[in-house]
Amino acid sequence: MTRDQLEHAIRAACDVSNDTELWIFGSQALLGEFPDAPESLRASIEVDIQPKNRPETVDAID
């Protein structure tokens, strides 16, 4: 996953959850701090996201 792909996932999760703040977990969270992280740290194609203010909408995020 690239930083651009992560940003796309974040925008989509915000739209689906109707929340403007999210928690990002797992290895992809590193892309927030290190957008050019080594390939070995960006191997996962999934990102774990939790809406911060509307946690009940987490199941709507796919």
N, C-alpha and C. Protein backbone atom coordinates (compact mmCIF):
# COMPACT_ATOMS: atom_id res chain seq x y z
N MET A 1 0.85 -1.16 0.00
CA MET A 1 0.00 0.00 0.00
C MET A 1 0.90 1.24 0.00
N THR A 2 0.52 2.21 -0.78
CA THR A 2 1.25 3.48 -0.82
C THR A 2 0.54 4.51 0.05
N ARG A 3 1.19 5.61 0.27
CA ARG A 3 0.57 6.70 1.05
C ARG A 3 -0.70 7.19 0.35
N ASP A 4 -0.67 7.30 -0.97
CA ASP A 4 -1.86 7.73 -1.72
C ASP A 4 -3.01 6.75 -1.53
N GLN A 5 -2.73 5.47 -1.54
CA GLN A 5 -3.77 4.46 -1.32
C GLN A 5 -4.33 4.55 0.10
N LEU A 6 -3.46 4.80 1.06
CA LEU A 6 -3.91 4.98 2.44
C LEU A 6 -4.82 6.19 2.55
N GLU A 7 -4.42 7.30 1.94
CA GLU A 7 -5.24 8.51 1.99
C GLU A 7 -6.60 8.27 1.34
N HIS A 8 -6.63 7.52 0.26
CA HIS A 8 -7.90 7.18 -0.38
C HIS A 8 -8.78 6.37 0.57
N ALA A 9 -8.20 5.38 1.24
CA ALA A 9 -8.95 4.56 2.19
C ALA A 9 -9.48 5.41 3.34
N ILE A 10 -8.69 6.36 3.79
CA ILE A 10 -9.12 7.25 4.88
C ILE A 10 -10.30 8.11 4.43
N ARG A 11 -10.21 8.69 3.24
CA ARG A 11 -11.33 9.51 2.73
C ARG A 11 -12.60 8.68 2.60
N ALA A 12 -12.47 7.48 2.07
CA ALA A 12 -13.64 6.61 1.91
C ALA A 12 -14.22 6.23 3.27
N ALA A 13 -13.38 5.92 4.23
CA ALA A 13 -13.86 5.55 5.57
C ALA A 13 -14.56 6.73 6.24
N CYS A 14 -14.04 7.93 6.04
CA CYS A 14 -14.70 9.12 6.59
C CYS A 14 -16.07 9.30 5.97
N ASP A 15 -16.17 9.11 4.66
CA ASP A 15 -17.47 9.23 3.99
C ASP A 15 -18.46 8.20 4.50
N VAL A 16 -18.04 6.96 4.59
CA VAL A 16 -18.93 5.87 5.00
C VAL A 16 -19.36 6.02 6.45
N SER A 17 -18.42 6.39 7.31
CA SER A 17 -18.72 6.47 8.75
C SER A 17 -19.31 7.81 9.15
N ASN A 18 -19.27 8.78 8.25
CA ASN A 18 -19.74 10.13 8.55
C ASN A 18 -18.98 10.70 9.75
N ASP A 19 -17.69 10.44 9.79
CA ASP A 19 -16.81 10.90 10.86
C ASP A 19 -15.60 11.57 10.21
N THR A 20 -15.05 12.56 10.85
CA THR A 20 -13.89 13.26 10.30
C THR A 20 -12.58 12.86 10.98
N GLU A 21 -12.69 11.99 12.00
CA GLU A 21 -11.50 11.52 12.70
C GLU A 21 -11.53 10.00 12.77
N LEU A 22 -10.37 9.40 12.51
CA LEU A 22 -10.26 7.95 12.50
C LEU A 22 -9.05 7.51 13.30
N TRP A 23 -9.11 6.29 13.81
CA TRP A 23 -7.94 5.62 14.38
C TRP A 23 -7.41 4.69 13.29
N ILE A 24 -6.12 4.74 13.03
CA ILE A 24 -5.48 3.85 12.07
C ILE A 24 -4.57 2.91 12.86
N PHE A 25 -4.77 1.61 12.68
CA PHE A 25 -4.01 0.60 13.41
C PHE A 25 -3.15 -0.21 12.44
N GLY A 26 -2.22 -0.94 12.99
CA GLY A 26 -1.46 -1.89 12.20
C GLY A 26 -0.31 -1.27 11.43
N SER A 27 0.27 -2.07 10.57
CA SER A 27 1.49 -1.65 9.87
C SER A 27 1.27 -0.44 8.97
N GLN A 28 0.08 -0.27 8.42
CA GLN A 28 -0.15 0.86 7.53
C GLN A 28 -0.19 2.19 8.26
N ALA A 29 -0.35 2.16 9.58
CA ALA A 29 -0.31 3.40 10.36
C ALA A 29 1.05 4.08 10.22
N LEU A 30 2.08 3.31 9.93
CA LEU A 30 3.42 3.88 9.75
C LEU A 30 3.48 4.85 8.59
N LEU A 31 2.61 4.66 7.59
CA LEU A 31 2.64 5.54 6.42
C LEU A 31 2.28 6.98 6.78
N GLY A 32 1.58 7.18 7.88
CA GLY A 32 1.27 8.54 8.31
C GLY A 32 2.53 9.30 8.68
N GLU A 33 3.44 8.64 9.32
CA GLU A 33 4.70 9.25 9.76
C GLU A 33 5.82 9.10 8.73
N PHE A 34 5.80 7.96 8.03
CA PHE A 34 6.87 7.64 7.08
C PHE A 34 6.26 7.29 5.72
N PRO A 35 5.86 8.31 4.93
CA PRO A 35 5.18 8.04 3.66
C PRO A 35 6.01 7.23 2.66
N ASP A 36 7.32 7.29 2.80
CA ASP A 36 8.20 6.54 1.89
C ASP A 36 8.83 5.35 2.59
N ALA A 37 8.05 4.71 3.46
CA ALA A 37 8.53 3.54 4.21
C ALA A 37 9.00 2.46 3.24
N PRO A 38 9.94 1.63 3.66
CA PRO A 38 10.41 0.54 2.81
C PRO A 38 9.26 -0.39 2.39
N GLU A 39 9.42 -0.99 1.24
CA GLU A 39 8.41 -1.90 0.69
C GLU A 39 8.02 -2.98 1.69
N SER A 40 8.98 -3.48 2.44
CA SER A 40 8.68 -4.55 3.40
C SER A 40 7.68 -4.11 4.47
N LEU A 41 7.62 -2.82 4.76
CA LEU A 41 6.67 -2.31 5.74
C LEU A 41 5.33 -1.93 5.10
N ARG A 42 5.31 -1.88 3.77
CA ARG A 42 4.09 -1.51 3.06
C ARG A 42 3.45 -2.70 2.36
N ALA A 43 3.86 -3.90 2.69
CA ALA A 43 3.41 -5.09 1.97
C ALA A 43 1.92 -5.37 2.13
N SER A 44 1.36 -5.04 3.25
CA SER A 44 -0.06 -5.33 3.48
C SER A 44 -0.94 -4.49 2.56
N ILE A 45 -2.01 -5.10 2.07
CA ILE A 45 -2.95 -4.36 1.22
C ILE A 45 -4.19 -3.95 2.00
N GLU A 46 -4.17 -4.19 3.31
CA GLU A 46 -5.31 -3.83 4.15
C GLU A 46 -4.89 -2.78 5.16
N VAL A 47 -5.86 -1.98 5.57
CA VAL A 47 -5.63 -1.00 6.62
C VAL A 47 -6.74 -1.16 7.65
N ASP A 48 -6.37 -1.14 8.91
CA ASP A 48 -7.34 -1.27 10.00
C ASP A 48 -7.74 0.13 10.45
N ILE A 49 -9.03 0.42 10.29
CA ILE A 49 -9.56 1.76 10.57
C ILE A 49 -10.73 1.66 11.53
N GLN A 50 -10.75 2.57 12.49
CA GLN A 50 -11.86 2.67 13.46
C GLN A 50 -12.30 4.13 13.51
N PRO A 51 -13.57 4.43 13.24
CA PRO A 51 -14.04 5.81 13.40
C PRO A 51 -13.89 6.24 14.87
N LYS A 52 -13.30 7.39 15.10
CA LYS A 52 -13.03 7.84 16.47
C LYS A 52 -14.31 8.26 17.19
N ASN A 53 -15.16 9.00 16.51
CA ASN A 53 -16.34 9.58 17.16
C ASN A 53 -17.63 8.80 16.92
N ARG A 54 -17.60 7.88 15.97
CA ARG A 54 -18.78 7.08 15.64
C ARG A 54 -18.39 5.61 15.53
N PRO A 55 -17.91 5.02 16.62
CA PRO A 55 -17.42 3.64 16.56
C PRO A 55 -18.48 2.63 16.14
N GLU A 56 -19.74 2.98 16.31
CA GLU A 56 -20.81 2.06 15.93
C GLU A 56 -20.88 1.87 14.41
N THR A 57 -20.20 2.71 13.64
CA THR A 57 -20.24 2.60 12.18
C THR A 57 -19.08 1.77 11.62
N VAL A 58 -18.27 1.19 12.49
CA VAL A 58 -17.08 0.45 12.03
C VAL A 58 -17.45 -0.68 11.07
N ASP A 59 -18.57 -1.33 11.28
CA ASP A 59 -18.94 -2.45 10.41
C ASP A 59 -19.32 -2.01 9.00
N ALA A 60 -19.61 -0.73 8.82
CA ALA A 60 -19.95 -0.22 7.49
C ALA A 60 -18.70 -0.01 6.63
N ILE A 61 -17.54 0.03 7.28
CA ILE A 61 -16.28 0.22 6.56
C ILE A 61 -15.78 -1.14 6.12
N ASP A 62 -15.54 -1.28 4.82
CA ASP A 62 -15.08 -2.56 4.28
C ASP A 62 -13.70 -2.44 3.72
